[in-house]
Amino acid sequence: MKGIGVSRGYYLLHPFKFFEYIFIPYVIISTNIANELSVSCLCRGIDNEEKPTSYIELKFNKIDYLIMVAVTIIFLFYYVYEVIS
């Protein structure tokens, strides 16, 4: 960028240009990142102090075990049929 010095002492001699060209963009970027993190936390319900109501306790039922056994038997028959053929 034109007008911005690259020597070591430039920013000591011109502190306002340092703040304008270097420091302020970093502050704005960090503020935007903090805002995005805040929005993300609010969307996920971080500030909710009540017990979650949408959790469902999952567990296996008899039908789940029957389907698991049936699928295993089908795969075994298919595998044996492929090996014999």
PDB file of N, CA and C in Angstrom:
ATOM      1  N   MET A   1       0.836  -1.173   0.000  1.00  0.00           N
ATOM      2  CA  MET A   1       0.000   0.000   0.000  1.00  0.00           C
ATOM      3  C   MET A   1       0.884   1.241   0.000  1.00  0.00           C
ATOM      4  N   LYS A   2       0.495   2.174  -0.741  1.00  0.00           N
ATOM      5  CA  LYS A   2       1.288   3.406  -0.825  1.00  0.00           C
ATOM      6  C   LYS A   2       1.147   4.209   0.463  1.00  0.00           C
ATOM      7  N   GLY A   3       2.236   4.829   0.864  1.00  0.00           N
ATOM      8  CA  GLY A   3       2.215   5.687   2.033  1.00  0.00           C
ATOM      9  C   GLY A   3       2.473   4.982   3.342  1.00  0.00           C
ATOM     10  N   ILE A   4       2.585   3.665   3.323  1.00  0.00           N
ATOM     11  CA  ILE A   4       2.870   2.916   4.550  1.00  0.00           C
ATOM     12  C   ILE A   4       4.336   2.527   4.509  1.00  0.00           C
ATOM     13  N   GLY A   5       5.067   2.933   5.529  1.00  0.00           N
ATOM     14  CA  GLY A   5       6.492   2.651   5.571  1.00  0.00           C
ATOM     15  C   GLY A   5       6.773   1.219   5.975  1.00  0.00           C
ATOM     16  N   VAL A   6       7.929   0.733   5.574  1.00  0.00           N
ATOM     17  CA  VAL A   6       8.312  -0.628   5.910  1.00  0.00           C
ATOM     18  C   VAL A   6       9.517  -0.655   6.838  1.00  0.00           C
ATOM     19  N   SER A   7      10.042   0.501   7.194  1.00  0.00           N
ATOM     20  CA  SER A   7      11.204   0.519   8.082  1.00  0.00           C
ATOM     21  C   SER A   7      10.748   0.267   9.521  1.00  0.00           C
ATOM     22  N   ARG A   8      11.713  -0.067  10.394  1.00  0.00           N
ATOM     23  CA  ARG A   8      11.385  -0.407  11.772  1.00  0.00           C
ATOM     24  C   ARG A   8      10.843   0.786  12.552  1.00  0.00           C
ATOM     25  N   GLY A   9      11.380   1.942  12.358  1.00  0.00           N
ATOM     26  CA  GLY A   9      10.983   3.093  13.139  1.00  0.00           C
ATOM     27  C   GLY A   9       9.802   3.860  12.581  1.00  0.00           C
ATOM     28  N   TYR A  10       9.271   3.426  11.441  1.00  0.00           N
ATOM     29  CA  TYR A  10       8.185   4.170  10.807  1.00  0.00           C
ATOM     30  C   TYR A  10       6.962   4.242  11.714  1.00  0.00           C
ATOM     31  N   TYR A  11       6.620   3.112  12.351  1.00  0.00           N
ATOM     32  CA  TYR A  11       5.419   3.088  13.179  1.00  0.00           C
ATOM     33  C   TYR A  11       5.607   3.837  14.496  1.00  0.00           C
ATOM     34  N   LEU A  12       6.851   4.008  14.914  1.00  0.00           N
ATOM     35  CA  LEU A  12       7.095   4.837  16.100  1.00  0.00           C
ATOM     36  C   LEU A  12       6.973   6.319  15.755  1.00  0.00           C
ATOM     37  N   LEU A  13       7.352   6.673  14.550  1.00  0.00           N
ATOM     38  CA  LEU A  13       7.252   8.070  14.132  1.00  0.00           C
ATOM     39  C   LEU A  13       5.829   8.452  13.711  1.00  0.00           C
ATOM     40  N   HIS A  14       5.045   7.463  13.234  1.00  0.00           N
ATOM     41  CA  HIS A  14       3.684   7.713  12.750  1.00  0.00           C
ATOM     42  C   HIS A  14       2.713   6.726  13.409  1.00  0.00           C
ATOM     43  N   PRO A  15       2.453   6.878  14.701  1.00  0.00           N
ATOM     44  CA  PRO A  15       1.600   5.892  15.387  1.00  0.00           C
ATOM     45  C   PRO A  15       0.153   5.888  14.899  1.00  0.00           C
ATOM     46  N   PHE A  16      -0.367   7.026  14.441  1.00  0.00           N
ATOM     47  CA  PHE A  16      -1.756   7.057  13.977  1.00  0.00           C
ATOM     48  C   PHE A  16      -1.940   6.252  12.697  1.00  0.00           C
ATOM     49  N   LYS A  17      -0.931   6.281  11.833  1.00  0.00           N
ATOM     50  CA  LYS A  17      -1.018   5.449  10.627  1.00  0.00           C
ATOM     51  C   LYS A  17      -0.961   3.969  10.994  1.00  0.00           C
ATOM     52  N   PHE A  18      -0.170   3.641  12.024  1.00  0.00           N
ATOM     53  CA  PHE A  18      -0.119   2.264  12.492  1.00  0.00           C
ATOM     54  C   PHE A  18      -1.508   1.808  12.934  1.00  0.00           C
ATOM     55  N   PHE A  19      -2.168   2.628  13.739  1.00  0.00           N
ATOM     56  CA  PHE A  19      -3.500   2.259  14.197  1.00  0.00           C
ATOM     57  C   PHE A  19      -4.491   2.186  13.045  1.00  0.00           C
ATOM     58  N   GLU A  20      -4.383   3.083  12.123  1.00  0.00           N
ATOM     59  CA  GLU A  20      -5.343   3.131  11.027  1.00  0.00           C
ATOM     60  C   GLU A  20      -5.157   1.964  10.061  1.00  0.00           C
ATOM     61  N   TYR A  21      -3.931   1.614   9.731  1.00  0.00           N
ATOM     62  CA  TYR A  21      -3.689   0.623   8.684  1.00  0.00           C
ATOM     63  C   TYR A  21      -3.467  -0.797   9.206  1.00  0.00           C
ATOM     64  N   ILE A  22      -2.993  -0.930  10.418  1.00  0.00           N
ATOM     65  CA  ILE A  22      -2.646  -2.260  10.920  1.00  0.00           C
ATOM     66  C   ILE A  22      -3.542  -2.686  12.073  1.00  0.00           C
ATOM     67  N   PHE A  23      -3.629  -1.877  13.101  1.00  0.00           N
ATOM     68  CA  PHE A  23      -4.313  -2.279  14.320  1.00  0.00           C
ATOM     69  C   PHE A  23      -5.826  -2.365  14.142  1.00  0.00           C
ATOM     70  N   ILE A  24      -6.434  -1.396  13.519  1.00  0.00           N
ATOM     71  CA  ILE A  24      -7.889  -1.355  13.363  1.00  0.00           C
ATOM     72  C   ILE A  24      -8.417  -2.542  12.557  1.00  0.00           C
ATOM     73  N   PRO A  25      -7.796  -2.936  11.435  1.00  0.00           N
ATOM     74  CA  PRO A  25      -8.307  -4.129  10.734  1.00  0.00           C
ATOM     75  C   PRO A  25      -8.258  -5.401  11.591  1.00  0.00           C
ATOM     76  N   TYR A  26      -7.212  -5.562  12.411  1.00  0.00           N
ATOM     77  CA  TYR A  26      -7.145  -6.726  13.288  1.00  0.00           C
ATOM     78  C   TYR A  26      -8.247  -6.696  14.330  1.00  0.00           C
ATOM     79  N   VAL A  27      -8.555  -5.552  14.848  1.00  0.00           N
ATOM     80  CA  VAL A  27      -9.634  -5.431  15.826  1.00  0.00           C
ATOM     81  C   VAL A  27     -10.978  -5.765  15.189  1.00  0.00           C
ATOM     82  N   ILE A  28     -11.197  -5.271  13.979  1.00  0.00           N
ATOM     83  CA  ILE A  28     -12.459  -5.553  13.287  1.00  0.00           C
ATOM     84  C   ILE A  28     -12.582  -7.037  12.965  1.00  0.00           C
ATOM     85  N   ILE A  29     -11.494  -7.646  12.513  1.00  0.00           N
ATOM     86  CA  ILE A  29     -11.514  -9.082  12.202  1.00  0.00           C
ATOM     87  C   ILE A  29     -11.809  -9.900  13.448  1.00  0.00           C
ATOM     88  N   SER A  30     -11.140  -9.575  14.554  1.00  0.00           N
ATOM     89  CA  SER A  30     -11.371 -10.336  15.785  1.00  0.00           C
ATOM     90  C   SER A  30     -12.785 -10.108  16.310  1.00  0.00           C
ATOM     91  N   THR A  31     -13.345  -8.923  16.132  1.00  0.00           N
ATOM     92  CA  THR A  31     -14.722  -8.669  16.539  1.00  0.00           C
ATOM     93  C   THR A  31     -15.694  -9.489  15.700  1.00  0.00           C
ATOM     94  N   ASN A  32     -15.443  -9.585  14.411  1.00  0.00           N
ATOM     95  CA  ASN A  32     -16.302 -10.407  13.546  1.00  0.00           C
ATOM     96  C   ASN A  32     -16.236 -11.874  13.929  1.00  0.00           C
ATOM     97  N   ILE A  33     -15.059 -12.368  14.249  1.00  0.00           N
ATOM     98  CA  ILE A  33     -14.916 -13.770  14.657  1.00  0.00           C
ATOM     99  C   ILE A  33     -15.654 -14.014  15.964  1.00  0.00           C
ATOM    100  N   ALA A  34     -15.518 -13.093  16.929  1.00  0.00           N
ATOM    101  CA  ALA A  34     -16.221 -13.239  18.203  1.00  0.00           C
ATOM    102  C   ALA A  34     -17.732 -13.216  17.991  1.00  0.00           C
ATOM    103  N   ASN A  35     -18.210 -12.389  17.093  1.00  0.00           N
ATOM    104  CA  ASN A  35     -19.639 -12.333  16.796  1.00  0.00           C
ATOM    105  C   ASN A  35     -20.125 -13.644  16.187  1.00  0.00           C
ATOM    106  N   GLU A  36     -19.366 -14.207  15.273  1.00  0.00           N
ATOM    107  CA  GLU A  36     -19.755 -15.481  14.658  1.00  0.00           C
ATOM    108  C   GLU A  36     -19.771 -16.599  15.682  1.00  0.00           C
ATOM    109  N   LEU A  37     -18.802 -16.619  16.593  1.00  0.00           N
ATOM    110  CA  LEU A  37     -18.799 -17.633  17.647  1.00  0.00           C
ATOM    111  C   LEU A  37     -19.998 -17.467  18.571  1.00  0.00           C
ATOM    112  N   SER A  38     -20.339 -16.255  18.883  1.00  0.00           N
ATOM    113  CA  SER A  38     -21.488 -15.991  19.738  1.00  0.00           C
ATOM    114  C   SER A  38     -22.782 -16.460  19.090  1.00  0.00           C
ATOM    115  N   VAL A  39     -22.952 -16.165  17.806  1.00  0.00           N
ATOM    116  CA  VAL A  39     -24.150 -16.602  17.089  1.00  0.00           C
ATOM    117  C   VAL A  39     -24.213 -18.127  17.036  1.00  0.00           C
ATOM    118  N   SER A  40     -23.074 -18.765  16.816  1.00  0.00           N
ATOM    119  CA  SER A  40     -23.028 -20.222  16.775  1.00  0.00           C
ATOM    120  C   SER A  40     -23.430 -20.825  18.115  1.00  0.00           C
ATOM    121  N   CYS A  41     -22.932 -20.259  19.196  1.00  0.00           N
ATOM    122  CA  CYS A  41     -23.283 -20.766  20.527  1.00  0.00           C
ATOM    123  C   CYS A  41     -24.766 -20.575  20.823  1.00  0.00           C
ATOM    124  N   LEU A  42     -25.322 -19.448  20.434  1.00  0.00           N
ATOM    125  CA  LEU A  42     -26.744 -19.211  20.669  1.00  0.00           C
ATOM    126  C   LEU A  42     -27.604 -20.157  19.852  1.00  0.00           C
ATOM    127  N   CYS A  43     -27.193 -20.445  18.624  1.00  0.00           N
ATOM    128  CA  CYS A  43     -27.958 -21.369  17.787  1.00  0.00           C
ATOM    129  C   CYS A  43     -27.937 -22.782  18.348  1.00  0.00           C
ATOM    130  N   ARG A  44     -26.858 -23.141  18.999  1.00  0.00           N
ATOM    131  CA  ARG A  44     -26.754 -24.485  19.574  1.00  0.00           C
ATOM    132  C   ARG A  44     -27.390 -24.587  20.954  1.00  0.00           C
ATOM    133  N   GLY A  45     -27.845 -23.473  21.484  1.00  0.00           N
ATOM    134  CA  GLY A  45     -28.528 -23.507  22.772  1.00  0.00           C
ATOM    135  C   GLY A  45     -27.598 -23.566  23.962  1.00  0.00           C
ATOM    136  N   ILE A  46     -26.417 -22.969  23.867  1.00  0.00           N
ATOM    137  CA  ILE A  46     -25.455 -23.010  24.955  1.00  0.00           C
ATOM    138  C   ILE A  46     -25.996 -22.297  26.192  1.00  0.00           C
ATOM    139  N   ASP A  47     -26.745 -21.214  26.001  1.00  0.00           N
ATOM    140  CA  ASP A  47     -27.212 -20.424  27.137  1.00  0.00           C
ATOM    141  C   ASP A  47     -28.483 -20.988  27.776  1.00  0.00           C
ATOM    142  N   ASN A  48     -29.025 -22.067  27.244  1.00  0.00           N
ATOM    143  CA  ASN A  48     -30.236 -22.653  27.791  1.00  0.00           C
ATOM    144  C   ASN A  48     -29.911 -23.399  29.079  1.00  0.00           C
ATOM    145  N   GLU A  49     -30.528 -22.994  30.179  1.00  0.00           N
ATOM    146  CA  GLU A  49     -30.240 -23.610  31.476  1.00  0.00           C
ATOM    147  C   GLU A  49     -31.222 -24.723  31.826  1.00  0.00           C
ATOM    148  N   GLU A  50     -32.251 -24.898  31.039  1.00  0.00           N
ATOM    149  CA  GLU A  50     -33.229 -25.933  31.312  1.00  0.00           C
ATOM    150  C   GLU A  50     -32.773 -27.273  30.739  1.00  0.00           C
ATOM    151  N   LYS A  51     -33.370 -28.334  31.251  1.00  0.00           N
ATOM    152  CA  LYS A  51     -33.044 -29.676  30.774  1.00  0.00           C
ATOM    153  C   LYS A  51     -33.564 -29.839  29.344  1.00  0.00           C
ATOM    154  N   PRO A  52     -32.748 -30.410  28.450  1.00  0.00           N
ATOM    155  CA  PRO A  52     -33.199 -30.596  27.064  1.00  0.00           C
ATOM    156  C   PRO A  52     -34.417 -31.515  27.012  1.00  0.00           C
ATOM    157  N   THR A  53     -35.367 -31.168  26.160  1.00  0.00           N
ATOM    158  CA  THR A  53     -36.597 -31.951  26.078  1.00  0.00           C
ATOM    159  C   THR A  53     -36.685 -32.802  24.824  1.00  0.00           C
ATOM    160  N   SER A  54     -35.750 -32.652  23.913  1.00  0.00           N
ATOM    161  CA  SER A  54     -35.864 -33.369  22.649  1.00  0.00           C
ATOM    162  C   SER A  54     -35.048 -34.666  22.610  1.00  0.00           C
ATOM    163  N   TYR A  55     -34.454 -35.059  23.741  1.00  0.00           N
ATOM    164  CA  TYR A  55     -33.686 -36.297  23.754  1.00  0.00           C
ATOM    165  C   TYR A  55     -34.627 -37.489  23.885  1.00  0.00           C
ATOM    166  N   ILE A  56     -34.356 -38.510  23.114  1.00  0.00           N
ATOM    167  CA  ILE A  56     -35.124 -39.744  23.158  1.00  0.00           C
ATOM    168  C   ILE A  56     -34.164 -40.857  23.535  1.00  0.00           C
ATOM    169  N   GLU A  57     -34.531 -41.630  24.520  1.00  0.00           N
ATOM    170  CA  GLU A  57     -33.676 -42.740  24.930  1.00  0.00           C
ATOM    171  C   GLU A  57     -33.828 -43.877  23.923  1.00  0.00           C
ATOM    172  N   LEU A  58     -32.717 -44.248  23.310  1.00  0.00           N
ATOM    173  CA  LEU A  58     -32.731 -45.302  22.300  1.00  0.00           C
ATOM    174  C   LEU A  58     -32.270 -46.616  22.905  1.00  0.00           C
ATOM    175  N   LYS A  59     -32.975 -47.688  22.570  1.00  0.00           N
ATOM    176  CA  LYS A  59     -32.553 -49.019  23.009  1.00  0.00           C
ATOM    177  C   LYS A  59     -33.080 -50.053  22.021  1.00  0.00           C
ATOM    178  N   PHE A  60     -32.428 -51.204  21.995  1.00  0.00           N
ATOM    179  CA  PHE A  60     -32.819 -52.275  21.093  1.00  0.00           C
ATOM    180  C   PHE A  60     -34.090 -52.934  21.596  1.00  0.00           C
ATOM    181  N   ASN A  61     -34.991 -53.235  20.648  1.00  0.00           N
ATOM    182  CA  ASN A  61     -36.202 -53.999  20.947  1.00  0.00           C
ATOM    183  C   ASN A  61     -36.074 -55.371  20.316  1.00  0.00           C
ATOM    184  N   LYS A  62     -37.087 -56.199  20.530  1.00  0.00           N
ATOM    185  CA  LYS A  62     -37.058 -57.548  19.952  1.00  0.00           C
ATOM    186  C   LYS A  62     -37.022 -57.495  18.428  1.00  0.00           C
ATOM    187  N   ILE A  63     -37.755 -56.570  17.841  1.00  0.00           N
ATOM    188  CA  ILE A  63     -37.793 -56.473  16.381  1.00  0.00           C
ATOM    189  C   ILE A  63     -36.420 -56.102  15.817  1.00  0.00           C
ATOM    190  N   ASP A  64     -35.662 -55.288  16.549  1.00  0.00           N
ATOM    191  CA  ASP A  64     -34.325 -54.919  16.095  1.00  0.00           C
ATOM    192  C   ASP A  64     -33.416 -56.145  16.047  1.00  0.00           C
ATOM    193  N   TYR A  65     -33.496 -56.979  17.088  1.00  0.00           N
ATOM    194  CA  TYR A  65     -32.681 -58.190  17.105  1.00  0.00           C
ATOM    195  C   TYR A  65     -33.111 -59.155  16.001  1.00  0.00           C
ATOM    196  N   LEU A  66     -34.420 -59.270  15.758  1.00  0.00           N
ATOM    197  CA  LEU A  66     -34.901 -60.154  14.695  1.00  0.00           C
ATOM    198  C   LEU A  66     -34.412 -59.679  13.322  1.00  0.00           C
ATOM    199  N   ILE A  67     -34.468 -58.399  13.076  1.00  0.00           N
ATOM    200  CA  ILE A  67     -33.990 -57.875  11.789  1.00  0.00           C
ATOM    201  C   ILE A  67     -32.491 -58.097  11.650  1.00  0.00           C
ATOM    202  N   MET A  68     -31.746 -57.921  12.734  1.00  0.00           N
ATOM    203  CA  MET A  68     -30.304 -58.123  12.687  1.00  0.00           C
ATOM    204  C   MET A  68     -29.965 -59.585  12.368  1.00  0.00           C
ATOM    205  N   VAL A  69     -30.681 -60.499  12.980  1.00  0.00           N
ATOM    206  CA  VAL A  69     -30.452 -61.923  12.715  1.00  0.00           C
ATOM    207  C   VAL A  69     -30.857 -62.262  11.282  1.00  0.00           C
ATOM    208  N   ALA A  70     -31.976 -61.726  10.816  1.00  0.00           N
ATOM    209  CA  ALA A  70     -32.433 -62.007   9.449  1.00  0.00           C
ATOM    210  C   ALA A  70     -31.441 -61.485   8.422  1.00  0.00           C
ATOM    211  N   VAL A  71     -30.932 -60.300   8.604  1.00  0.00           N
ATOM    212  CA  VAL A  71     -29.960 -59.743   7.659  1.00  0.00           C
ATOM    213  C   VAL A  71     -28.674 -60.556   7.683  1.00  0.00           C
ATOM    214  N   THR A  72     -28.242 -60.996   8.862  1.00  0.00           N
ATOM    215  CA  THR A  72     -27.044 -61.828   8.957  1.00  0.00           C
ATOM    216  C   THR A  72     -27.238 -63.148   8.217  1.00  0.00           C
ATOM    217  N   ILE A  73     -28.400 -63.769   8.381  1.00  0.00           N
ATOM    218  CA  ILE A  73     -28.689 -65.032   7.689  1.00  0.00           C
ATOM    219  C   ILE A  73     -28.709 -64.823   6.172  1.00  0.00           C
ATOM    220  N   ILE A  74     -29.302 -63.727   5.723  1.00  0.00           N
ATOM    221  CA  ILE A  74     -29.348 -63.447   4.279  1.00  0.00           C
ATOM    222  C   ILE A  74     -27.938 -63.272   3.727  1.00  0.00           C
ATOM    223  N   PHE A  75     -27.103 -62.517   4.446  1.00  0.00           N
ATOM    224  CA  PHE A  75     -25.731 -62.342   3.980  1.00  0.00           C
ATOM    225  C   PHE A  75     -24.963 -63.658   3.986  1.00  0.00           C
ATOM    226  N   LEU A  76     -25.179 -64.497   4.976  1.00  0.00           N
ATOM    227  CA  LEU A  76     -24.504 -65.803   5.012  1.00  0.00           C
ATOM    228  C   LEU A  76     -24.931 -66.676   3.833  1.00  0.00           C
ATOM    229  N   PHE A  77     -26.239 -66.733   3.561  1.00  0.00           N
ATOM    230  CA  PHE A  77     -26.707 -67.513   2.416  1.00  0.00           C
ATOM    231  C   PHE A  77     -26.138 -66.970   1.112  1.00  0.00           C
ATOM    232  N   TYR A  78     -26.102 -65.670   0.970  1.00  0.00           N
ATOM    233  CA  TYR A  78     -25.546 -65.060  -0.235  1.00  0.00           C
ATOM    234  C   TYR A  78     -24.064 -65.384  -0.366  1.00  0.00           C
ATOM    235  N   TYR A  79     -23.308 -65.300   0.740  1.00  0.00           N
ATOM    236  CA  TYR A  79     -21.886 -65.615   0.714  1.00  0.00           C
ATOM    237  C   TYR A  79     -21.639 -67.084   0.366  1.00  0.00           C
ATOM    238  N   VAL A  80     -22.412 -67.983   0.983  1.00  0.00           N
ATOM    239  CA  VAL A  80     -22.246 -69.401   0.693  1.00  0.00           C
ATOM    240  C   VAL A  80     -22.620 -69.690  -0.765  1.00  0.00           C
ATOM    241  N   TYR A  81     -23.645 -69.059  -1.280  1.00  0.00           N
ATOM    242  CA  TYR A  81     -24.050 -69.259  -2.660  1.00  0.00           C
ATOM    243  C   TYR A  81     -22.960 -68.784  -3.620  1.00  0.00           C
ATOM    244  N   GLU A  82     -22.300 -67.652  -3.306  1.00  0.00           N
ATOM    245  CA  GLU A  82     -21.233 -67.144  -4.148  1.00  0.00           C
ATOM    246  C   GLU A  82     -20.006 -68.052  -4.110  1.00  0.00           C
ATOM    247  N   VAL A  83     -19.708 -68.643  -2.954  1.00  0.00           N
ATOM    248  CA  VAL A  83     -18.535 -69.506  -2.823  1.00  0.00           C
ATOM    249  C   VAL A  83     -18.785 -70.824  -3.582  1.00  0.00           C
ATOM    250  N   ILE A  84     -19.992 -71.371  -3.511  1.00  0.00           N
ATOM    251  CA  ILE A  84     -20.307 -72.628  -4.183  1.00  0.00           C
ATOM    252  C   ILE A  84     -20.343 -72.450  -5.700  1.00  0.00           C
ATOM    253  N   SER A  85     -20.824 -71.322  -6.159  1.00  0.00           N
ATOM    254  CA  SER A  85     -20.961 -71.092  -7.603  1.00  0.00           C
ATOM    255  C   SER A  85     -19.666 -70.880  -8.276  1.00  0.00           C
TER     256      SER A  85
END
